[in-house]
Amino acid sequence: MRAEILDKFGKRVRDERLQRGLSQEELAEKAELHRTYIGMIERGEKNITLINIQKIAKALVITVDELLKGIT
């Protein structure tokens, strides 16, 4: 059973990515992560590390605080 927080975080990443007009591949490249990893995060399948949260936030040009807003 997946944790609800993973689903919420994944939706948040997807929403921010789409607002910026980025594909999963483009976000992955900017964050120096693999495209399939981004997809797994967005589907709530990965329990992401703090380091990778920071990479994604930086790639989306927002703070970690902004990326986590409304998750809990």
PDB file of N, CA and C in Angstrom:
ATOM      1  N   MET A   1       0.841  -1.183   0.000  1.00  0.00           N
ATOM      2  CA  MET A   1       0.000   0.000   0.000  1.00  0.00           C
ATOM      3  C   MET A   1       0.888   1.249   0.000  1.00  0.00           C
ATOM      4  N   ARG A   2       0.620   2.139  -0.934  1.00  0.00           N
ATOM      5  CA  ARG A   2       1.402   3.366  -1.009  1.00  0.00           C
ATOM      6  C   ARG A   2       0.917   4.372   0.029  1.00  0.00           C
ATOM      7  N   ALA A   3       1.825   5.169   0.498  1.00  0.00           N
ATOM      8  CA  ALA A   3       1.483   6.218   1.448  1.00  0.00           C
ATOM      9  C   ALA A   3       0.840   7.385   0.702  1.00  0.00           C
ATOM     10  N   GLU A   4      -0.177   7.944   1.307  1.00  0.00           N
ATOM     11  CA  GLU A   4      -0.891   9.077   0.706  1.00  0.00           C
ATOM     12  C   GLU A   4       0.049  10.247   0.428  1.00  0.00           C
ATOM     13  N   ILE A   5       1.050  10.438   1.291  1.00  0.00           N
ATOM     14  CA  ILE A   5       1.980  11.554   1.105  1.00  0.00           C
ATOM     15  C   ILE A   5       2.754  11.415  -0.207  1.00  0.00           C
ATOM     16  N   LEU A   6       3.063  10.179  -0.618  1.00  0.00           N
ATOM     17  CA  LEU A   6       3.775   9.975  -1.882  1.00  0.00           C
ATOM     18  C   LEU A   6       2.893  10.371  -3.062  1.00  0.00           C
ATOM     19  N   ASP A   7       1.606  10.049  -2.979  1.00  0.00           N
ATOM     20  CA  ASP A   7       0.674  10.445  -4.040  1.00  0.00           C
ATOM     21  C   ASP A   7       0.536  11.965  -4.110  1.00  0.00           C
ATOM     22  N   LYS A   8       0.421  12.604  -2.942  1.00  0.00           N
ATOM     23  CA  LYS A   8       0.295  14.067  -2.898  1.00  0.00           C
ATOM     24  C   LYS A   8       1.542  14.747  -3.441  1.00  0.00           C
ATOM     25  N   PHE A   9       2.711  14.244  -3.032  1.00  0.00           N
ATOM     26  CA  PHE A   9       3.952  14.836  -3.515  1.00  0.00           C
ATOM     27  C   PHE A   9       4.086  14.648  -5.019  1.00  0.00           C
ATOM     28  N   GLY A  10       3.778  13.474  -5.499  1.00  0.00           N
ATOM     29  CA  GLY A  10       3.850  13.205  -6.937  1.00  0.00           C
ATOM     30  C   GLY A  10       2.952  14.129  -7.732  1.00  0.00           C
ATOM     31  N   LYS A  11       1.737  14.348  -7.230  1.00  0.00           N
ATOM     32  CA  LYS A  11       0.814  15.264  -7.915  1.00  0.00           C
ATOM     33  C   LYS A  11       1.368  16.679  -7.905  1.00  0.00           C
ATOM     34  N   ARG A  12       1.965  17.059  -6.810  1.00  0.00           N
ATOM     35  CA  ARG A  12       2.552  18.405  -6.697  1.00  0.00           C
ATOM     36  C   ARG A  12       3.681  18.594  -7.712  1.00  0.00           C
ATOM     37  N   VAL A  13       4.549  17.595  -7.830  1.00  0.00           N
ATOM     38  CA  VAL A  13       5.647  17.666  -8.804  1.00  0.00           C
ATOM     39  C   VAL A  13       5.069  17.769 -10.212  1.00  0.00           C
ATOM     40  N   ARG A  14       4.092  16.930 -10.533  1.00  0.00           N
ATOM     41  CA  ARG A  14       3.476  16.945 -11.861  1.00  0.00           C
ATOM     42  C   ARG A  14       2.843  18.306 -12.161  1.00  0.00           C
ATOM     43  N   ASP A  15       2.087  18.837 -11.195  1.00  0.00           N
ATOM     44  CA  ASP A  15       1.437  20.141 -11.393  1.00  0.00           C
ATOM     45  C   ASP A  15       2.463  21.245 -11.654  1.00  0.00           C
ATOM     46  N   GLU A  16       3.519  21.271 -10.861  1.00  0.00           N
ATOM     47  CA  GLU A  16       4.563  22.296 -11.039  1.00  0.00           C
ATOM     48  C   GLU A  16       5.274  22.116 -12.381  1.00  0.00           C
ATOM     49  N   ARG A  17       5.536  20.878 -12.758  1.00  0.00           N
ATOM     50  CA  ARG A  17       6.199  20.603 -14.041  1.00  0.00           C
ATOM     51  C   ARG A  17       5.328  21.071 -15.200  1.00  0.00           C
ATOM     52  N   LEU A  18       4.042  20.738 -15.152  1.00  0.00           N
ATOM     53  CA  LEU A  18       3.136  21.115 -16.242  1.00  0.00           C
ATOM     54  C   LEU A  18       2.934  22.627 -16.313  1.00  0.00           C
ATOM     55  N   GLN A  19       2.901  23.294 -15.166  1.00  0.00           N
ATOM     56  CA  GLN A  19       2.782  24.758 -15.150  1.00  0.00           C
ATOM     57  C   GLN A  19       3.943  25.421 -15.886  1.00  0.00           C
ATOM     58  N   ARG A  20       5.072  24.772 -15.873  1.00  0.00           N
ATOM     59  CA  ARG A  20       6.265  25.312 -16.532  1.00  0.00           C
ATOM     60  C   ARG A  20       6.434  24.786 -17.948  1.00  0.00           C
ATOM     61  N   GLY A  21       5.499  23.969 -18.385  1.00  0.00           N
ATOM     62  CA  GLY A  21       5.543  23.449 -19.747  1.00  0.00           C
ATOM     63  C   GLY A  21       6.677  22.471 -19.988  1.00  0.00           C
ATOM     64  N   LEU A  22       7.085  21.766 -18.943  1.00  0.00           N
ATOM     65  CA  LEU A  22       8.193  20.821 -19.068  1.00  0.00           C
ATOM     66  C   LEU A  22       7.679  19.392 -19.225  1.00  0.00           C
ATOM     67  N   SER A  23       8.366  18.618 -20.034  1.00  0.00           N
ATOM     68  CA  SER A  23       8.091  17.185 -20.110  1.00  0.00           C
ATOM     69  C   SER A  23       8.814  16.514 -18.938  1.00  0.00           C
ATOM     70  N   GLN A  24       8.471  15.259 -18.675  1.00  0.00           N
ATOM     71  CA  GLN A  24       9.195  14.523 -17.647  1.00  0.00           C
ATOM     72  C   GLN A  24      10.672  14.445 -18.001  1.00  0.00           C
ATOM     73  N   GLU A  25      10.952  14.250 -19.269  1.00  0.00           N
ATOM     74  CA  GLU A  25      12.343  14.149 -19.719  1.00  0.00           C
ATOM     75  C   GLU A  25      13.100  15.462 -19.466  1.00  0.00           C
ATOM     76  N   GLU A  26      12.462  16.589 -19.760  1.00  0.00           N
ATOM     77  CA  GLU A  26      13.117  17.887 -19.551  1.00  0.00           C
ATOM     78  C   GLU A  26      13.378  18.134 -18.064  1.00  0.00           C
ATOM     79  N   LEU A  27      12.384  17.819 -17.222  1.00  0.00           N
ATOM     80  CA  LEU A  27      12.578  17.987 -15.783  1.00  0.00           C
ATOM     81  C   LEU A  27      13.701  17.077 -15.294  1.00  0.00           C
ATOM     82  N   ALA A  28      13.690  15.844 -15.752  1.00  0.00           N
ATOM     83  CA  ALA A  28      14.722  14.897 -15.346  1.00  0.00           C
ATOM     84  C   ALA A  28      16.111  15.410 -15.714  1.00  0.00           C
ATOM     85  N   GLU A  29      16.239  15.939 -16.913  1.00  0.00           N
ATOM     86  CA  GLU A  29      17.535  16.464 -17.354  1.00  0.00           C
ATOM     87  C   GLU A  29      17.984  17.621 -16.474  1.00  0.00           C
ATOM     88  N   LYS A  30      17.066  18.550 -16.196  1.00  0.00           N
ATOM     89  CA  LYS A  30      17.403  19.705 -15.361  1.00  0.00           C
ATOM     90  C   LYS A  30      17.766  19.287 -13.936  1.00  0.00           C
ATOM     91  N   ALA A  31      17.107  18.236 -13.436  1.00  0.00           N
ATOM     92  CA  ALA A  31      17.338  17.776 -12.069  1.00  0.00           C
ATOM     93  C   ALA A  31      18.450  16.736 -11.986  1.00  0.00           C
ATOM     94  N   GLU A  32      18.999  16.359 -13.126  1.00  0.00           N
ATOM     95  CA  GLU A  32      20.038  15.329 -13.197  1.00  0.00           C
ATOM     96  C   GLU A  32      19.552  14.010 -12.602  1.00  0.00           C
ATOM     97  N   LEU A  33      18.314  13.650 -12.981  1.00  0.00           N
ATOM     98  CA  LEU A  33      17.696  12.393 -12.583  1.00  0.00           C
ATOM     99  C   LEU A  33      17.212  11.678 -13.839  1.00  0.00           C
ATOM    100  N   HIS A  34      16.832  10.425 -13.717  1.00  0.00           N
ATOM    101  CA  HIS A  34      16.344   9.668 -14.874  1.00  0.00           C
ATOM    102  C   HIS A  34      14.860   9.931 -15.090  1.00  0.00           C
ATOM    103  N   ARG A  35      14.443   9.960 -16.354  1.00  0.00           N
ATOM    104  CA  ARG A  35      13.049  10.229 -16.690  1.00  0.00           C
ATOM    105  C   ARG A  35      12.100   9.232 -16.034  1.00  0.00           C
ATOM    106  N   THR A  36      12.470   7.968 -16.013  1.00  0.00           N
ATOM    107  CA  THR A  36      11.579   6.975 -15.410  1.00  0.00           C
ATOM    108  C   THR A  36      11.439   7.198 -13.902  1.00  0.00           C
ATOM    109  N   TYR A  37      12.475   7.730 -13.279  1.00  0.00           N
ATOM    110  CA  TYR A  37      12.422   8.046 -11.852  1.00  0.00           C
ATOM    111  C   TYR A  37      11.412   9.169 -11.612  1.00  0.00           C
ATOM    112  N   ILE A  38      11.418  10.186 -12.468  1.00  0.00           N
ATOM    113  CA  ILE A  38      10.447  11.280 -12.351  1.00  0.00           C
ATOM    114  C   ILE A  38       9.032  10.719 -12.494  1.00  0.00           C
ATOM    115  N   GLY A  39       8.818   9.840 -13.462  1.00  0.00           N
ATOM    116  CA  GLY A  39       7.504   9.229 -13.647  1.00  0.00           C
ATOM    117  C   GLY A  39       7.061   8.454 -12.415  1.00  0.00           C
ATOM    118  N   MET A  40       7.984   7.728 -11.817  1.00  0.00           N
ATOM    119  CA  MET A  40       7.661   6.953 -10.614  1.00  0.00           C
ATOM    120  C   MET A  40       7.317   7.874  -9.442  1.00  0.00           C
ATOM    121  N   ILE A  41       8.008   8.991  -9.346  1.00  0.00           N
ATOM    122  CA  ILE A  41       7.697   9.973  -8.301  1.00  0.00           C
ATOM    123  C   ILE A  41       6.299  10.530  -8.523  1.00  0.00           C
ATOM    124  N   GLU A  42       6.007  10.925  -9.749  1.00  0.00           N
ATOM    125  CA  GLU A  42       4.708  11.519 -10.063  1.00  0.00           C
ATOM    126  C   GLU A  42       3.552  10.544  -9.836  1.00  0.00           C
ATOM    127  N   ARG A  43       3.806   9.253  -9.983  1.00  0.00           N
ATOM    128  CA  ARG A  43       2.767   8.242  -9.746  1.00  0.00           C
ATOM    129  C   ARG A  43       2.739   7.788  -8.285  1.00  0.00           C
ATOM    130  N   GLY A  44       3.589   8.360  -7.432  1.00  0.00           N
ATOM    131  CA  GLY A  44       3.618   8.000  -6.023  1.00  0.00           C
ATOM    132  C   GLY A  44       4.229   6.650  -5.755  1.00  0.00           C
ATOM    133  N   GLU A  45       5.085   6.195  -6.651  1.00  0.00           N
ATOM    134  CA  GLU A  45       5.694   4.872  -6.531  1.00  0.00           C
ATOM    135  C   GLU A  45       7.069   4.892  -5.868  1.00  0.00           C
ATOM    136  N   LYS A  46       7.640   6.057  -5.686  1.00  0.00           N
ATOM    137  CA  LYS A  46       8.987   6.175  -5.109  1.00  0.00           C
ATOM    138  C   LYS A  46       8.955   7.010  -3.841  1.00  0.00           C
ATOM    139  N   ASN A  47       9.640   6.527  -2.824  1.00  0.00           N
ATOM    140  CA  ASN A  47       9.848   7.289  -1.603  1.00  0.00           C
ATOM    141  C   ASN A  47      11.132   8.084  -1.811  1.00  0.00           C
ATOM    142  N   ILE A  48      10.999   9.290  -2.243  1.00  0.00           N
ATOM    143  CA  ILE A  48      12.096  10.134  -2.703  1.00  0.00           C
ATOM    144  C   ILE A  48      12.946  10.642  -1.536  1.00  0.00           C
ATOM    145  N   THR A  49      14.242  10.806  -1.778  1.00  0.00           N
ATOM    146  CA  THR A  49      15.159  11.323  -0.756  1.00  0.00           C
ATOM    147  C   THR A  49      15.111  12.850  -0.716  1.00  0.00           C
ATOM    148  N   LEU A  50      15.584  13.391   0.381  1.00  0.00           N
ATOM    149  CA  LEU A  50      15.640  14.846   0.517  1.00  0.00           C
ATOM    150  C   LEU A  50      16.555  15.467  -0.534  1.00  0.00           C
ATOM    151  N   ILE A  51      17.637  14.795  -0.848  1.00  0.00           N
ATOM    152  CA  ILE A  51      18.564  15.302  -1.866  1.00  0.00           C
ATOM    153  C   ILE A  51      17.843  15.430  -3.207  1.00  0.00           C
ATOM    154  N   ASN A  52      17.050  14.428  -3.570  1.00  0.00           N
ATOM    155  CA  ASN A  52      16.342  14.480  -4.852  1.00  0.00           C
ATOM    156  C   ASN A  52      15.179  15.467  -4.829  1.00  0.00           C
ATOM    157  N   ILE A  53      14.563  15.674  -3.667  1.00  0.00           N
ATOM    158  CA  ILE A  53      13.544  16.725  -3.552  1.00  0.00           C
ATOM    159  C   ILE A  53      14.191  18.078  -3.847  1.00  0.00           C
ATOM    160  N   GLN A  54      15.378  18.285  -3.294  1.00  0.00           N
ATOM    161  CA  GLN A  54      16.093  19.535  -3.527  1.00  0.00           C
ATOM    162  C   GLN A  54      16.454  19.697  -5.006  1.00  0.00           C
ATOM    163  N   LYS A  55      16.892  18.626  -5.659  1.00  0.00           N
ATOM    164  CA  LYS A  55      17.223  18.690  -7.086  1.00  0.00           C
ATOM    165  C   LYS A  55      16.005  19.051  -7.917  1.00  0.00           C
ATOM    166  N   ILE A  56      14.872  18.461  -7.604  1.00  0.00           N
ATOM    167  CA  ILE A  56      13.642  18.737  -8.361  1.00  0.00           C
ATOM    168  C   ILE A  56      13.196  20.178  -8.133  1.00  0.00           C
ATOM    169  N   ALA A  57      13.234  20.627  -6.884  1.00  0.00           N
ATOM    170  CA  ALA A  57      12.854  22.017  -6.590  1.00  0.00           C
ATOM    171  C   ALA A  57      13.735  22.990  -7.365  1.00  0.00           C
ATOM    172  N   LYS A  58      15.031  22.739  -7.354  1.00  0.00           N
ATOM    173  CA  LYS A  58      15.966  23.609  -8.075  1.00  0.00           C
ATOM    174  C   LYS A  58      15.664  23.607  -9.573  1.00  0.00           C
ATOM    175  N   ALA A  59      15.376  22.428 -10.118  1.00  0.00           N
ATOM    176  CA  ALA A  59      15.063  22.318 -11.545  1.00  0.00           C
ATOM    177  C   ALA A  59      13.769  23.051 -11.893  1.00  0.00           C
ATOM    178  N   LEU A  60      12.837  23.105 -10.937  1.00  0.00           N
ATOM    179  CA  LEU A  60      11.565  23.816 -11.151  1.00  0.00           C
ATOM    180  C   LEU A  60      11.667  25.296 -10.792  1.00  0.00           C
ATOM    181  N   VAL A  61      12.834  25.710 -10.316  1.00  0.00           N
ATOM    182  CA  VAL A  61      13.126  27.094  -9.903  1.00  0.00           C
ATOM    183  C   VAL A  61      12.152  27.534  -8.804  1.00  0.00           C
ATOM    184  N   ILE A  62      12.001  26.659  -7.801  1.00  0.00           N
ATOM    185  CA  ILE A  62      11.234  26.996  -6.607  1.00  0.00           C
ATOM    186  C   ILE A  62      12.007  26.466  -5.405  1.00  0.00           C
ATOM    187  N   THR A  63      11.600  26.895  -4.219  1.00  0.00           N
ATOM    188  CA  THR A  63      12.247  26.407  -3.007  1.00  0.00           C
ATOM    189  C   THR A  63      11.658  25.053  -2.621  1.00  0.00           C
ATOM    190  N   VAL A  64      12.377  24.346  -1.789  1.00  0.00           N
ATOM    191  CA  VAL A  64      11.867  23.084  -1.257  1.00  0.00           C
ATOM    192  C   VAL A  64      10.569  23.347  -0.488  1.00  0.00           C
ATOM    193  N   ASP A  65      10.528  24.428   0.269  1.00  0.00           N
ATOM    194  CA  ASP A  65       9.314  24.800   1.004  1.00  0.00           C
ATOM    195  C   ASP A  65       8.115  24.938   0.067  1.00  0.00           C
ATOM    196  N   GLU A  66       8.334  25.626  -1.052  1.00  0.00           N
ATOM    197  CA  GLU A  66       7.241  25.809  -2.022  1.00  0.00           C
ATOM    198  C   GLU A  66       6.809  24.473  -2.613  1.00  0.00           C
ATOM    199  N   LEU A  67       7.758  23.601  -2.893  1.00  0.00           N
ATOM    200  CA  LEU A  67       7.426  22.305  -3.480  1.00  0.00           C
ATOM    201  C   LEU A  67       6.640  21.443  -2.502  1.00  0.00           C
ATOM    202  N   LEU A  68       6.935  21.555  -1.216  1.00  0.00           N
ATOM    203  CA  LEU A  68       6.250  20.743  -0.209  1.00  0.00           C
ATOM    204  C   LEU A  68       4.959  21.379   0.320  1.00  0.00           C
ATOM    205  N   LYS A  69       4.682  22.591  -0.105  1.00  0.00           N
ATOM    206  CA  LYS A  69       3.505  23.318   0.382  1.00  0.00           C
ATOM    207  C   LYS A  69       2.225  22.524   0.125  1.00  0.00           C
ATOM    208  N   GLY A  70       1.455  22.337   1.177  1.00  0.00           N
ATOM    209  CA  GLY A  70       0.170  21.654   1.044  1.00  0.00           C
ATOM    210  C   GLY A  70       0.241  20.142   1.015  1.00  0.00           C
ATOM    211  N   ILE A  71       1.433  19.579   1.213  1.00  0.00           N
ATOM    212  CA  ILE A  71       1.591  18.135   1.141  1.00  0.00           C
ATOM    213  C   ILE A  71       1.090  17.466   2.421  1.00  0.00           C
ATOM    214  N   THR A  72       1.395  18.057   3.575  1.00  0.00           N
ATOM    215  CA  THR A  72       1.034  17.410   4.841  1.00  0.00           C
ATOM    216  C   THR A  72      -0.331  17.816   5.315  1.00  0.00           C
TER     217      THR A  72
END
